[in-house]
Amino acid sequence: MKRFVLVMCLILAVVFGVSCKSSPTTPPVKILPTIVNFTANPTTIQSGGSSTLSWSVNNATTVTIDQGIGTVSATTGTKSVSPTATTTYTLTATNSDGKKTATCVVTFELILPTIDYFLSNPISIRLNDSSTLTWSVQKATTITIDQGIGTVSATGSRQVTPQVTTTYALTATNRDGQKTANCQVEIKKAAILTISQIPANPTWIYIPATNTTTSNFTAVLTESNNVGGVISDLLVGTFLGDTILSAQDFGGGVFNPLGTLSFSCAVVATGKPDLVIVLAEGTDNNGYTIEEAAYAYLTWPTNIATAQFFKVTERESDPRLIRVIKEIKRYKR
């Protein structure tokens, strides 16, 4: 009997215990916002252009876009933007259950000027010759060339006469930036010749019986600017005052860069000269005219004189030398 009572008590305890226990509660379902789309059109813009942001959102109480735009329509909308650099926009949709985000990118594309060409023709010139610069430029608001040329049009040409090898810079500019291009005009080197004599002080002999003066020496031309060329004539003229007594052509020849060219000169003049000029004429390999001269004054303590030759320079102060060089050329013709 006791055993039966005990079993029944256990059964009742289980039954009543279960019945007193509450049923479990189902948690509420969270509904987050849904971003249907967030796009930019166009996705790439250029300077001064704009793009339109578009969005569609469900179940949001607030919608914001960063980059200074702020709160926008919580459902659908558009916004025009004009960034000046590539920009990522973030849309944030929020409700009481949470938030969602989406991004879109507007790419900013710089349109720099285009320099089709900037050329010099010819690129190498002789001193005091001219070269022509030509150019073609697109998408530029201003175009300038340095070396004193200034503002130019989008396409054009300009003749230049530089005195030294010169690099010209063209600069094309617009609101997005600038491009530059260079071209060079080279001044060709001219041969530099000096005249020396062997012996250094040639002897001049006057013969009264025949009223003639003679001298034998070697004229040596030496090039020092690494430019070869051709001597067409080596002329030796003698003068008394401004009167030409003799003019002899001792021929020509080819000289190499940094080379020498020698002429044996057997001079015979009528009378007793007081001035001797050696004149070399020709053309170097870069097209320059060669007119190199040296001179010597003759003094006659006896009927034998020696002559030390000096180079004729642009600083020469004796105008007679200029006249007599011209006289040699006239006499030759």
Protein backbone atom coordinates (compact mmCIF):
# COMPACT_ATOMS: atom_id res chain seq x y z
CA MET A 1 0.00 0.00 0.00
CA LYS A 2 2.74 2.38 0.90
CA ARG A 3 4.45 1.51 -2.27
CA PHE A 4 1.37 2.36 -4.29
CA VAL A 5 0.95 5.71 -2.56
CA LEU A 6 4.54 6.57 -3.25
CA VAL A 7 4.19 5.79 -6.94
CA MET A 8 1.04 7.87 -7.23
CA CYS A 9 2.71 10.80 -5.54
CA LEU A 10 5.53 10.69 -8.01
CA ILE A 11 3.12 10.57 -10.94
CA LEU A 12 1.14 13.53 -9.61
CA ALA A 13 4.36 15.51 -9.01
CA VAL A 14 5.46 15.00 -12.58
CA VAL A 15 2.03 15.90 -13.97
CA PHE A 16 1.63 19.02 -11.87
CA GLY A 17 5.24 20.04 -12.44
CA VAL A 18 4.84 19.93 -16.18
CA SER A 19 1.56 21.76 -16.11
CA CYS A 20 3.02 24.59 -14.07
CA LYS A 21 5.89 25.12 -16.54
CA SER A 22 5.21 28.01 -19.00
CA SER A 23 5.26 27.46 -22.79
CA PRO A 24 8.38 28.88 -24.67
CA THR A 25 7.95 32.39 -26.37
CA THR A 26 8.91 32.80 -30.12
CA PRO A 27 11.32 35.86 -30.56
CA PRO A 28 10.14 38.64 -32.96
CA VAL A 29 11.58 38.58 -36.52
CA LYS A 30 13.93 41.49 -37.40
CA ILE A 31 13.29 43.19 -40.73
CA LEU A 32 16.37 45.08 -41.96
CA PRO A 33 16.24 47.67 -44.74
CA THR A 34 16.71 46.41 -48.28
CA ILE A 35 18.79 48.44 -50.76
CA VAL A 36 17.38 47.47 -54.14
CA ASN A 37 19.94 49.53 -56.07
CA PHE A 38 22.41 52.39 -55.69
CA THR A 39 24.07 53.45 -58.94
CA ALA A 40 25.84 56.37 -60.65
CA ASN A 41 25.19 57.38 -64.25
CA PRO A 42 27.55 58.03 -65.90
CA THR A 43 30.20 56.28 -63.90
CA THR A 44 32.99 58.41 -65.45
CA ILE A 45 32.95 62.19 -65.81
CA GLN A 46 35.39 64.83 -66.99
CA SER A 47 36.19 68.27 -65.64
CA GLY A 48 32.97 70.30 -65.36
CA GLY A 49 30.76 67.22 -65.84
CA SER A 50 28.21 65.65 -63.50
CA SER A 51 26.82 62.22 -62.66
CA THR A 52 23.41 61.26 -61.24
CA LEU A 53 23.19 59.02 -58.20
CA SER A 54 20.01 56.90 -58.13
CA TRP A 55 18.71 54.64 -55.35
CA SER A 56 15.79 52.45 -54.38
CA VAL A 57 15.34 51.28 -50.76
CA ASN A 58 12.70 49.27 -48.91
CA ASN A 59 11.91 49.13 -45.19
CA ALA A 60 14.06 52.09 -44.18
CA THR A 61 13.13 54.95 -41.90
CA THR A 62 16.14 57.07 -42.86
CA VAL A 63 18.54 57.02 -45.79
CA THR A 64 21.75 59.04 -45.91
CA ILE A 65 24.56 59.45 -48.44
CA ASP A 66 28.01 60.63 -47.38
CA GLN A 67 30.38 63.08 -49.17
CA GLY A 68 28.33 65.97 -47.80
CA ILE A 69 24.98 64.92 -49.34
CA GLY A 70 23.24 63.95 -46.08
CA THR A 71 19.67 62.66 -45.60
CA VAL A 72 17.72 61.80 -48.74
CA SER A 73 14.42 60.14 -49.59
CA ALA A 74 14.00 56.88 -47.70
CA THR A 75 12.48 55.07 -50.69
CA THR A 76 13.71 56.27 -54.10
CA GLY A 77 15.48 59.32 -55.42
CA THR A 78 18.24 60.90 -57.48
CA LYS A 79 21.04 63.33 -56.77
CA SER A 80 23.34 65.12 -59.20
CA VAL A 81 27.00 65.25 -58.15
CA SER A 82 30.07 66.90 -59.69
CA PRO A 83 33.17 65.60 -57.93
CA THR A 84 36.59 66.94 -58.90
CA ALA A 85 38.32 63.64 -58.13
CA THR A 86 37.37 59.98 -58.25
CA THR A 87 34.86 59.58 -55.38
CA THR A 88 33.16 56.64 -53.64
CA TYR A 89 29.64 57.39 -52.37
CA THR A 90 28.17 55.32 -49.50
CA LEU A 91 24.40 55.03 -49.00
CA THR A 92 23.24 53.98 -45.49
CA ALA A 93 19.66 52.76 -44.99
CA THR A 94 18.48 52.52 -41.35
CA ASN A 95 15.43 51.36 -39.42
CA SER A 96 14.80 50.22 -35.84
CA ASP A 97 16.13 46.78 -36.61
CA GLY A 98 19.48 47.89 -38.05
CA LYS A 99 21.09 49.25 -41.18
CA LYS A 100 22.45 48.29 -44.58
CA THR A 101 25.02 50.07 -46.76
CA ALA A 102 25.88 50.16 -50.45
CA THR A 103 28.50 52.04 -52.46
CA CYS A 104 29.00 53.36 -55.98
CA VAL A 105 31.98 55.09 -57.56
CA VAL A 106 32.14 58.14 -59.84
CA THR A 107 35.48 58.14 -61.67
CA PHE A 108 36.93 61.56 -62.48
CA GLU A 109 38.92 61.56 -65.71
CA LEU A 110 41.47 64.30 -66.46
CA ILE A 111 41.58 65.39 -70.10
CA LEU A 112 45.03 66.86 -70.59
CA PRO A 113 46.10 68.66 -73.76
CA THR A 114 47.49 66.54 -76.58
CA ILE A 115 50.63 67.65 -78.44
CA ASP A 116 50.53 65.90 -81.80
CA TYR A 117 53.97 67.17 -82.79
CA PHE A 118 56.48 69.94 -82.16
CA LEU A 119 59.32 69.91 -84.67
CA SER A 120 62.17 72.00 -86.05
CA ASN A 121 63.16 71.86 -89.69
CA PRO A 122 66.01 71.77 -90.31
CA ILE A 123 67.24 70.67 -86.93
CA SER A 124 70.81 71.79 -87.71
CA ILE A 125 71.63 75.15 -89.28
CA ARG A 126 74.61 77.38 -89.88
CA LEU A 127 74.96 80.49 -87.76
CA ASN A 128 72.57 83.24 -88.96
CA ASP A 129 70.50 80.76 -90.99
CA SER A 130 66.89 80.01 -90.00
CA SER A 131 64.88 76.98 -88.95
CA THR A 132 61.08 76.62 -88.90
CA LEU A 133 59.26 75.39 -85.80
CA THR A 134 55.92 73.65 -86.50
CA TRP A 135 53.38 72.30 -84.04
CA SER A 136 49.89 70.86 -83.63
CA VAL A 137 48.04 70.79 -80.29
CA GLN A 138 44.56 69.64 -79.24
CA LYS A 139 42.39 70.27 -76.17
CA ALA A 140 44.42 73.23 -74.93
CA THR A 141 43.15 76.63 -73.89
CA THR A 142 46.56 78.32 -74.02
CA ILE A 143 49.74 77.36 -75.88
CA THR A 144 53.09 79.06 -75.38
CA ILE A 145 56.62 78.62 -76.68
CA ASP A 146 59.56 79.95 -74.70
CA GLN A 147 62.71 81.71 -75.94
CA GLY A 148 60.70 84.90 -76.36
CA ILE A 149 58.08 83.52 -78.78
CA GLY A 150 55.09 83.64 -76.39
CA THR A 151 51.46 82.63 -76.99
CA VAL A 152 50.68 80.82 -80.23
CA SER A 153 47.69 79.17 -81.91
CA ALA A 154 46.81 75.46 -81.76
CA THR A 155 48.57 74.81 -85.04
CA GLY A 156 51.18 76.94 -86.69
CA SER A 157 54.78 77.61 -87.59
CA ARG A 158 57.44 80.12 -86.60
CA GLN A 159 60.80 80.90 -88.16
CA VAL A 160 63.67 81.20 -85.69
CA THR A 161 67.29 82.27 -86.05
CA PRO A 162 69.10 81.31 -82.84
CA GLN A 163 72.69 82.36 -82.36
CA VAL A 164 73.56 79.29 -80.29
CA THR A 165 72.19 75.75 -80.12
CA THR A 166 68.77 76.28 -78.54
CA THR A 167 66.06 74.03 -77.08
CA TYR A 168 62.52 75.34 -77.50
CA ALA A 169 59.76 74.25 -75.08
CA LEU A 170 56.09 74.25 -76.07
CA THR A 171 53.61 74.24 -73.16
CA ALA A 172 49.93 73.39 -73.74
CA THR A 173 47.55 74.12 -70.85
CA ASN A 174 43.89 73.57 -70.00
CA ARG A 175 41.95 73.44 -66.74
CA ASP A 176 43.02 69.83 -66.11
CA GLY A 177 46.74 70.48 -66.40
CA GLN A 178 49.47 70.89 -68.96
CA LYS A 179 51.75 69.02 -71.32
CA THR A 180 55.13 70.08 -72.67
CA ALA A 181 57.24 69.11 -75.65
CA ASN A 182 60.73 70.17 -76.69
CA CYS A 183 62.59 70.51 -79.95
CA GLN A 184 66.10 71.70 -80.62
CA VAL A 185 67.79 73.79 -83.26
CA GLU A 186 71.49 73.04 -83.40
CA ILE A 187 74.03 75.55 -84.64
CA LYS A 188 76.58 73.72 -86.74
CA LYS A 189 80.20 74.25 -85.86
CA ALA A 190 82.40 76.12 -88.28
CA ALA A 191 85.94 75.12 -89.08
CA ILE A 192 88.50 77.28 -87.29
CA LEU A 193 91.72 77.68 -89.25
CA THR A 194 94.93 79.39 -88.27
CA ILE A 195 97.72 80.26 -90.64
CA SER A 196 101.32 79.76 -89.67
CA GLN A 197 104.53 79.86 -91.67
CA ILE A 198 107.67 77.78 -91.99
CA PRO A 199 109.95 79.41 -91.24
CA ALA A 200 108.07 81.52 -88.70
CA ASN A 201 109.71 84.70 -90.06
CA PRO A 202 110.17 84.22 -93.81
CA THR A 203 112.98 86.12 -95.49
CA TRP A 204 112.10 88.64 -98.20
CA ILE A 205 114.84 89.71 -100.64
CA TYR A 206 114.67 92.82 -102.80
CA ILE A 207 116.76 92.82 -106.02
CA PRO A 208 117.30 96.43 -107.17
CA ALA A 209 118.55 95.42 -110.60
CA THR A 210 115.22 93.85 -111.53
CA ASN A 211 113.09 95.81 -109.03
CA THR A 212 111.66 92.53 -107.74
CA THR A 213 111.09 91.03 -104.31
CA THR A 214 111.10 87.29 -103.67
CA SER A 215 110.33 85.02 -100.72
CA ASN A 216 109.93 81.30 -100.18
CA PHE A 217 107.98 79.89 -97.28
CA THR A 218 105.39 77.22 -96.44
CA ALA A 219 101.94 78.37 -95.35
CA VAL A 220 100.39 75.86 -92.95
CA LEU A 221 96.66 75.83 -92.25
CA THR A 222 95.67 74.10 -88.98
CA GLU A 223 92.04 73.27 -88.10
CA SER A 224 91.08 73.34 -84.40
CA ASN A 225 87.26 72.93 -84.18
CA ASN A 226 86.95 69.33 -85.44
CA VAL A 227 85.39 70.30 -88.77
CA GLY A 228 86.94 69.38 -92.11
CA GLY A 229 86.55 71.16 -95.42
CA VAL A 230 88.08 72.30 -98.68
CA ILE A 231 90.40 75.22 -99.42
CA SER A 232 89.77 76.42 -102.96
CA ASP A 233 92.51 79.06 -103.09
CA LEU A 234 95.49 80.15 -101.08
CA LEU A 235 96.30 83.68 -102.21
CA VAL A 236 99.40 85.68 -101.33
CA GLY A 237 99.28 89.38 -102.13
CA THR A 238 101.93 92.08 -101.74
CA PHE A 239 101.22 95.79 -101.49
CA LEU A 240 102.96 99.12 -101.41
CA GLY A 241 100.58 101.39 -99.59
CA ASP A 242 97.19 100.59 -101.13
CA THR A 243 98.71 99.57 -104.48
CA ILE A 244 98.82 95.86 -105.21
CA LEU A 245 102.20 94.67 -106.45
CA SER A 246 101.42 90.96 -106.87
CA ALA A 247 98.72 88.39 -106.22
CA GLN A 248 99.47 84.71 -106.60
CA ASP A 249 97.23 81.67 -106.14
CA PHE A 250 99.03 78.66 -104.73
CA GLY A 251 96.12 76.25 -105.19
CA GLY A 252 93.82 74.43 -102.80
CA GLY A 253 93.21 71.15 -101.07
CA VAL A 254 91.18 69.18 -98.55
CA PHE A 255 91.77 69.47 -94.82
CA ASN A 256 90.57 67.01 -92.20
CA PRO A 257 89.00 67.81 -88.83
CA LEU A 258 91.86 68.82 -86.52
CA GLY A 259 94.17 68.36 -89.50
CA THR A 260 96.68 70.51 -91.38
CA LEU A 261 97.14 71.58 -94.99
CA SER A 262 100.42 73.00 -96.31
CA PHE A 263 101.21 75.21 -99.30
CA SER A 264 104.67 75.95 -100.69
CA CYS A 265 104.70 79.61 -101.60
CA ALA A 266 107.34 81.07 -103.93
CA VAL A 267 106.35 84.72 -104.04
CA VAL A 268 107.61 87.12 -106.70
CA ALA A 269 106.53 90.77 -106.58
CA THR A 270 107.45 93.79 -108.67
CA GLY A 271 108.81 96.56 -106.45
CA LYS A 272 109.52 96.65 -102.73
CA PRO A 273 106.27 95.88 -100.81
CA ASP A 274 105.53 97.03 -97.30
CA LEU A 275 102.61 94.67 -96.66
CA VAL A 276 102.04 90.96 -97.33
CA ILE A 277 98.72 89.17 -96.90
CA VAL A 278 98.02 85.41 -97.02
CA LEU A 279 94.36 84.67 -97.69
CA ALA A 280 92.77 81.18 -97.57
CA GLU A 281 89.33 80.77 -99.16
CA GLY A 282 87.06 77.74 -99.24
CA THR A 283 84.10 75.98 -97.64
CA ASP A 284 83.98 73.72 -94.61
CA ASN A 285 81.98 70.51 -94.35
CA ASN A 286 79.12 72.30 -92.58
CA GLY A 287 78.71 74.81 -95.40
CA TYR A 288 80.44 77.80 -93.85
CA THR A 289 82.51 80.05 -96.08
CA ILE A 290 86.18 80.11 -95.13
CA GLU A 291 88.07 83.40 -95.40
CA GLU A 292 91.09 83.19 -93.16
CA ALA A 293 93.88 85.77 -93.47
CA ALA A 294 97.23 86.60 -91.97
CA TYR A 295 99.43 89.61 -92.65
CA ALA A 296 102.92 90.97 -92.13
CA TYR A 297 104.43 94.44 -92.43
CA LEU A 298 107.78 94.58 -94.21
CA THR A 299 110.48 97.06 -93.14
CA TRP A 300 113.66 97.29 -95.14
CA PRO A 301 116.78 98.29 -93.16
CA THR A 302 118.66 96.72 -96.09
CA ASN A 303 117.43 94.89 -99.12
CA ILE A 304 116.63 91.92 -96.90
CA ALA A 305 113.60 91.86 -94.63
CA THR A 306 111.84 89.29 -92.47
CA ALA A 307 108.11 89.06 -91.94
CA GLN A 308 106.28 87.86 -88.85
CA PHE A 309 102.71 87.04 -89.82
CA PHE A 310 99.73 87.98 -87.65
CA LYS A 311 96.19 86.72 -87.83
CA VAL A 312 93.58 89.15 -89.13
CA THR A 313 90.79 89.41 -86.57
CA GLU A 314 87.49 91.24 -86.33
CA ARG A 315 89.20 93.59 -83.87
CA GLU A 316 91.83 94.57 -86.44
CA SER A 317 92.01 98.38 -86.43
CA ASP A 318 93.91 98.92 -89.67
CA PRO A 319 91.26 99.57 -92.36
CA ARG A 320 93.92 99.09 -95.03
CA LEU A 321 93.94 95.35 -94.35
CA ILE A 322 90.25 95.15 -95.19
CA ARG A 323 90.79 97.09 -98.39
CA VAL A 324 93.74 95.02 -99.53
CA ILE A 325 91.99 91.71 -98.87
CA LYS A 326 89.21 92.94 -101.12
CA GLU A 327 91.86 93.99 -103.65
CA ILE A 328 93.32 90.47 -103.68
CA LYS A 329 89.88 89.05 -104.47
CA ARG A 330 89.28 91.64 -107.16
CA TYR A 331 92.68 90.97 -108.65
CA LYS A 332 91.97 87.23 -108.68
CA ARG A 333 88.75 87.72 -110.62
